[in-house]
Amino acid sequence: MGVFYTNEFTTTVPEGLHDRTVNVFTLTDEGPTDLTLVVTRDRLRQGEDLAGYIDRQLAQMQARFAQLRIRRREGAVVGGYPGERLEVSWQTPDGPLTQRQLAVVSPTGPVMVFGATFRGAPRDEHATAFEQFVAGVRFHNAQG
């Protein structure tokens, strides 16, 4: 069994359950928002590395969004660990969306994906907010 920590509580996680936690930050309490920051935890599949994980995620996105455009994919550093930066865009009935992601395998094991979704093109203040959010990431040490 593992121990799961959040700001609000700690619990013991029974064997066999996997942490797929999602944290969402928005500019508004209700309705559409020009910026949404999402942090997700996921796992690499057996024998998969981070690049393979990103390839798999992109394939899933391309299956869901027919007009998905990959605008940028490059190496990055998150919290002192090597990762990948990705920027994609696609068209929705309500207009274009742009998403920026930074993915990294955390020292405790899960893949952490930090994502920002922008309605339309990213406004400077929203892009800056995302970069500041990611720059503030500090990973806790691996549990022994």
Protein backbone atom coordinates (compact mmCIF):
# COMPACT_ATOMS: atom_id res chain seq x y z
CA MET A 1 0.00 0.00 0.00
CA GLY A 2 1.09 3.52 -0.72
CA VAL A 3 0.41 6.77 1.08
CA PHE A 4 -1.36 9.57 -0.80
CA TYR A 5 -0.85 13.18 0.31
CA THR A 6 -2.83 16.27 -0.65
CA ASN A 7 -3.14 19.66 0.97
CA GLU A 8 -6.42 18.56 2.54
CA PHE A 9 -5.83 14.95 3.59
CA THR A 10 -3.59 11.90 3.66
CA THR A 11 -4.80 8.36 3.07
CA THR A 12 -3.53 4.86 2.47
CA VAL A 13 -4.12 3.63 -1.07
CA PRO A 14 -4.87 -0.10 -1.36
CA GLU A 15 -2.70 -2.16 -3.71
CA GLY A 16 -4.00 -2.23 -7.27
CA LEU A 17 -5.35 1.34 -7.29
CA HIS A 18 -3.48 3.85 -9.45
CA ASP A 19 -3.22 7.59 -8.85
CA ARG A 20 -4.73 9.42 -11.86
CA THR A 21 -5.37 12.64 -9.94
CA VAL A 22 -6.32 15.81 -11.80
CA ASN A 23 -5.99 19.34 -10.39
CA VAL A 24 -7.69 22.19 -12.26
CA PHE A 25 -7.10 25.94 -11.91
CA THR A 26 -9.31 28.45 -13.78
CA LEU A 27 -9.80 32.20 -14.08
CA THR A 28 -13.54 31.94 -13.35
CA ASP A 29 -15.76 30.00 -10.95
CA GLU A 30 -18.36 29.25 -13.63
CA GLY A 31 -18.61 29.02 -17.39
CA PRO A 32 -15.93 29.30 -20.06
CA THR A 33 -12.54 30.67 -19.13
CA ASP A 34 -9.74 32.04 -21.30
CA LEU A 35 -7.17 29.99 -19.38
CA THR A 36 -7.37 26.63 -17.66
CA LEU A 37 -4.34 25.09 -15.94
CA VAL A 38 -4.53 21.34 -15.38
CA VAL A 39 -2.08 19.05 -13.59
CA THR A 40 -2.49 15.32 -14.14
CA ARG A 41 -0.69 12.26 -12.88
CA ASP A 42 -0.34 9.23 -15.12
CA ARG A 43 1.84 6.16 -15.50
CA LEU A 44 4.24 4.98 -18.13
CA ARG A 45 3.33 1.65 -19.66
CA GLN A 46 5.73 -1.27 -19.34
CA GLY A 47 8.89 -0.45 -21.34
CA GLU A 48 7.64 3.05 -22.26
CA ASP A 49 9.76 6.17 -21.87
CA LEU A 50 8.55 9.78 -21.75
CA ALA A 51 8.86 10.27 -25.53
CA GLY A 52 6.75 7.14 -26.10
CA TYR A 53 4.20 8.42 -23.59
CA ILE A 54 3.94 11.73 -25.47
CA ASP A 55 3.58 9.84 -28.78
CA ARG A 56 0.71 7.82 -27.29
CA GLN A 57 -1.01 10.92 -25.92
CA LEU A 58 -0.69 12.70 -29.27
CA ALA A 59 -2.21 9.71 -31.07
CA GLN A 60 -5.18 9.81 -28.69
CA MET A 61 -5.61 13.55 -29.24
CA GLN A 62 -5.40 13.15 -33.03
CA ALA A 63 -8.15 10.52 -32.85
CA ARG A 64 -10.39 12.93 -30.90
CA PHE A 65 -9.56 16.18 -32.71
CA ALA A 66 -9.48 15.74 -36.49
CA GLN A 67 -7.83 19.11 -37.08
CA LEU A 68 -5.14 18.78 -34.41
CA ARG A 69 -1.97 20.66 -35.32
CA ILE A 70 1.29 20.00 -33.51
CA ARG A 71 2.93 23.41 -33.31
CA ARG A 72 5.92 22.60 -31.12
CA ARG A 73 7.57 19.63 -29.45
CA GLU A 74 10.91 19.94 -27.72
CA GLY A 75 12.89 19.00 -24.67
CA ALA A 76 12.35 20.95 -21.46
CA VAL A 77 13.20 20.92 -17.77
CA VAL A 78 10.50 20.86 -15.09
CA GLY A 79 11.41 21.13 -11.42
CA GLY A 80 14.99 20.21 -12.29
CA TYR A 81 14.03 17.04 -14.21
CA PRO A 82 14.15 16.47 -17.97
CA GLY A 83 10.80 16.60 -19.71
CA GLU A 84 9.06 17.51 -22.94
CA ARG A 85 7.25 20.66 -24.01
CA LEU A 86 4.35 20.35 -26.42
CA GLU A 87 2.04 22.89 -28.05
CA VAL A 88 -1.00 21.83 -30.07
CA SER A 89 -4.11 23.51 -31.41
CA TRP A 90 -7.45 22.39 -32.79
CA GLN A 91 -10.79 23.79 -33.88
CA THR A 92 -13.97 23.40 -31.81
CA PRO A 93 -17.53 24.52 -32.57
CA ASP A 94 -16.86 27.46 -30.21
CA GLY A 95 -13.59 28.44 -31.90
CA PRO A 96 -9.92 27.49 -31.81
CA LEU A 97 -8.17 26.14 -28.71
CA THR A 98 -4.45 26.06 -28.02
CA GLN A 99 -2.87 23.80 -25.45
CA ARG A 100 0.63 23.89 -24.01
CA GLN A 101 1.95 20.98 -22.00
CA LEU A 102 5.07 20.21 -20.03
CA ALA A 103 5.46 16.54 -19.13
CA VAL A 104 8.05 15.00 -16.83
CA VAL A 105 8.56 11.74 -14.98
CA SER A 106 8.59 12.83 -11.35
CA PRO A 107 11.12 11.47 -8.87
CA THR A 108 8.33 9.53 -7.12
CA GLY A 109 7.39 7.76 -10.36
CA PRO A 110 4.27 9.15 -11.99
CA VAL A 111 4.32 11.17 -15.17
CA MET A 112 3.27 14.70 -14.29
CA VAL A 113 1.66 16.69 -17.08
CA PHE A 114 1.25 20.43 -16.57
CA GLY A 115 -1.12 21.80 -19.19
CA ALA A 116 -2.62 25.15 -20.10
CA THR A 117 -5.57 25.42 -22.45
CA PHE A 118 -6.26 28.80 -24.04
CA ARG A 119 -9.33 29.90 -25.96
CA GLY A 120 -7.86 31.09 -29.24
CA ALA A 121 -4.22 32.11 -29.28
CA PRO A 122 -2.56 32.44 -25.86
CA ARG A 123 -2.67 35.98 -24.51
CA ASP A 124 0.66 37.15 -23.13
CA GLU A 125 -0.54 37.41 -19.53
CA HIS A 126 -2.03 33.90 -19.63
CA ALA A 127 1.06 32.38 -21.26
CA THR A 128 3.17 34.11 -18.60
CA ALA A 129 0.93 32.77 -15.82
CA PHE A 130 1.44 29.22 -17.12
CA GLU A 131 5.22 29.65 -17.35
CA GLN A 132 5.32 31.06 -13.80
CA PHE A 133 3.19 28.16 -12.56
CA VAL A 134 5.54 25.59 -14.09
CA ALA A 135 8.67 27.49 -12.99
CA GLY A 136 7.41 27.19 -9.42
CA VAL A 137 7.20 23.38 -9.52
CA ARG A 138 9.34 21.71 -6.86
CA PHE A 139 9.11 17.94 -6.63
CA HIS A 140 9.17 16.18 -3.28
CA ASN A 141 11.91 13.58 -2.86
CA ALA A 142 11.16 9.99 -3.73
CA GLN A 143 9.81 7.99 -0.83
CA GLY A 144 11.97 5.11 0.26
